[in-house]
């Protein structure tokens, strides 16, 4: 169980930067969409 947890933790840590970048991109995209809607 500990080995599995460590392996999963490693996967999470390894993919965290990519997930953070994705979240930032989505957040920026939502800001752009909101700005466009306000522009109307």
N, C-alpha and C. Protein backbone atom coordinates (compact mmCIF):
# COMPACT_ATOMS: atom_id res chain seq x y z
N UNK A 1 0.83 -1.20 0.00
CA UNK A 1 0.00 0.00 0.00
C UNK A 1 0.87 1.25 0.00
N UNK A 2 1.92 1.22 0.81
CA UNK A 2 2.82 2.38 0.87
C UNK A 2 3.51 2.62 -0.46
N UNK A 3 3.90 1.52 -1.12
CA UNK A 3 4.57 1.66 -2.41
C UNK A 3 3.61 2.26 -3.43
N UNK A 4 2.37 1.77 -3.41
CA UNK A 4 1.37 2.29 -4.35
C UNK A 4 1.14 3.77 -4.09
N UNK A 5 1.02 4.13 -2.82
CA UNK A 5 0.79 5.53 -2.46
C UNK A 5 1.96 6.39 -2.94
N UNK A 6 3.19 5.88 -2.74
CA UNK A 6 4.37 6.63 -3.16
C UNK A 6 4.36 6.80 -4.68
N UNK A 7 4.01 5.73 -5.40
CA UNK A 7 3.98 5.80 -6.85
C UNK A 7 2.94 6.80 -7.33
N UNK A 8 1.76 6.74 -6.72
CA UNK A 8 0.70 7.68 -7.09
C UNK A 8 1.14 9.10 -6.74
N UNK A 9 1.75 9.27 -5.57
CA UNK A 9 2.23 10.59 -5.17
C UNK A 9 3.25 11.11 -6.16
N UNK A 10 4.12 10.23 -6.65
CA UNK A 10 5.12 10.63 -7.64
C UNK A 10 4.45 11.09 -8.92
N UNK A 11 3.41 10.36 -9.33
CA UNK A 11 2.68 10.74 -10.54
C UNK A 11 2.05 12.12 -10.35
N UNK A 12 1.43 12.32 -9.19
CA UNK A 12 0.78 13.60 -8.92
C UNK A 12 1.80 14.73 -8.94
N UNK A 13 2.95 14.51 -8.28
CA UNK A 13 3.98 15.55 -8.24
C UNK A 13 4.53 15.81 -9.63
N UNK A 14 4.68 14.73 -10.42
CA UNK A 14 5.26 14.89 -11.75
C UNK A 14 4.32 15.67 -12.66
N UNK A 15 3.02 15.47 -12.49
CA UNK A 15 2.06 16.13 -13.37
C UNK A 15 1.54 17.46 -12.81
N UNK A 16 1.90 17.79 -11.57
CA UNK A 16 1.41 19.02 -10.96
C UNK A 16 1.75 20.27 -11.79
N UNK A 17 3.00 20.44 -12.24
CA UNK A 17 3.33 21.63 -13.03
C UNK A 17 2.44 21.75 -14.27
N UNK A 18 2.21 20.64 -14.96
CA UNK A 18 1.37 20.65 -16.15
C UNK A 18 -0.06 21.04 -15.79
N UNK A 19 -0.55 20.51 -14.66
CA UNK A 19 -1.91 20.83 -14.24
C UNK A 19 -2.01 22.31 -13.87
N UNK A 20 -0.97 22.83 -13.20
CA UNK A 20 -0.98 24.24 -12.82
C UNK A 20 -0.99 25.12 -14.06
N UNK A 21 -0.20 24.74 -15.06
CA UNK A 21 -0.15 25.51 -16.31
C UNK A 21 -1.53 25.47 -16.97
N UNK A 22 -2.15 24.29 -16.95
CA UNK A 22 -3.47 24.15 -17.56
C UNK A 22 -4.49 25.02 -16.83
N UNK A 23 -4.42 25.02 -15.49
CA UNK A 23 -5.36 25.83 -14.71
C UNK A 23 -5.15 27.31 -15.01
N UNK A 24 -3.88 27.73 -15.13
CA UNK A 24 -3.60 29.13 -15.44
C UNK A 24 -4.15 29.48 -16.81
N UNK A 25 -3.96 28.57 -17.78
CA UNK A 25 -4.44 28.82 -19.14
C UNK A 25 -5.97 28.92 -19.15
N UNK A 26 -6.63 28.02 -18.41
CA UNK A 26 -8.10 28.05 -18.35
C UNK A 26 -8.56 29.33 -17.68
N UNK A 27 -7.89 29.72 -16.61
CA UNK A 27 -8.25 30.95 -15.91
C UNK A 27 -8.11 32.15 -16.83
N UNK A 28 -7.01 32.19 -17.60
CA UNK A 28 -6.78 33.29 -18.53
C UNK A 28 -7.87 33.28 -19.60
N UNK A 29 -8.20 32.08 -20.09
CA UNK A 29 -9.24 31.94 -21.12
C UNK A 29 -10.57 32.47 -20.61
N UNK A 30 -10.90 32.16 -19.35
CA UNK A 30 -12.16 32.64 -18.77
C UNK A 30 -12.14 34.16 -18.66
N UNK A 31 -10.98 34.73 -18.31
CA UNK A 31 -10.87 36.19 -18.21
C UNK A 31 -11.12 36.82 -19.57
N UNK A 32 -10.56 36.22 -20.62
CA UNK A 32 -10.73 36.74 -21.97
C UNK A 32 -12.20 36.67 -22.38
N UNK A 33 -12.83 35.52 -22.10
CA UNK A 33 -14.25 35.35 -22.45
C UNK A 33 -15.10 36.38 -21.70
N UNK A 34 -14.78 36.57 -20.42
CA UNK A 34 -15.54 37.53 -19.62
C UNK A 34 -15.37 38.94 -20.19
N UNK A 35 -14.16 39.29 -20.59
CA UNK A 35 -13.89 40.61 -21.16
C UNK A 35 -14.66 40.79 -22.46
N UNK A 36 -14.71 39.75 -23.28
CA UNK A 36 -15.44 39.82 -24.56
C UNK A 36 -16.93 40.02 -24.30
N UNK A 37 -17.47 39.27 -23.33
CA UNK A 37 -18.90 39.40 -23.02
C UNK A 37 -19.20 40.80 -22.50
N UNK A 38 -18.29 41.36 -21.70
CA UNK A 38 -18.51 42.71 -21.18
C UNK A 38 -18.40 43.72 -22.32
N UNK A 39 -17.52 43.43 -23.29
CA UNK A 39 -17.34 44.33 -24.43
C UNK A 39 -18.62 44.46 -25.25
N UNK A 40 -19.45 43.42 -25.22
CA UNK A 40 -20.71 43.49 -25.95
C UNK A 40 -21.61 44.48 -25.24
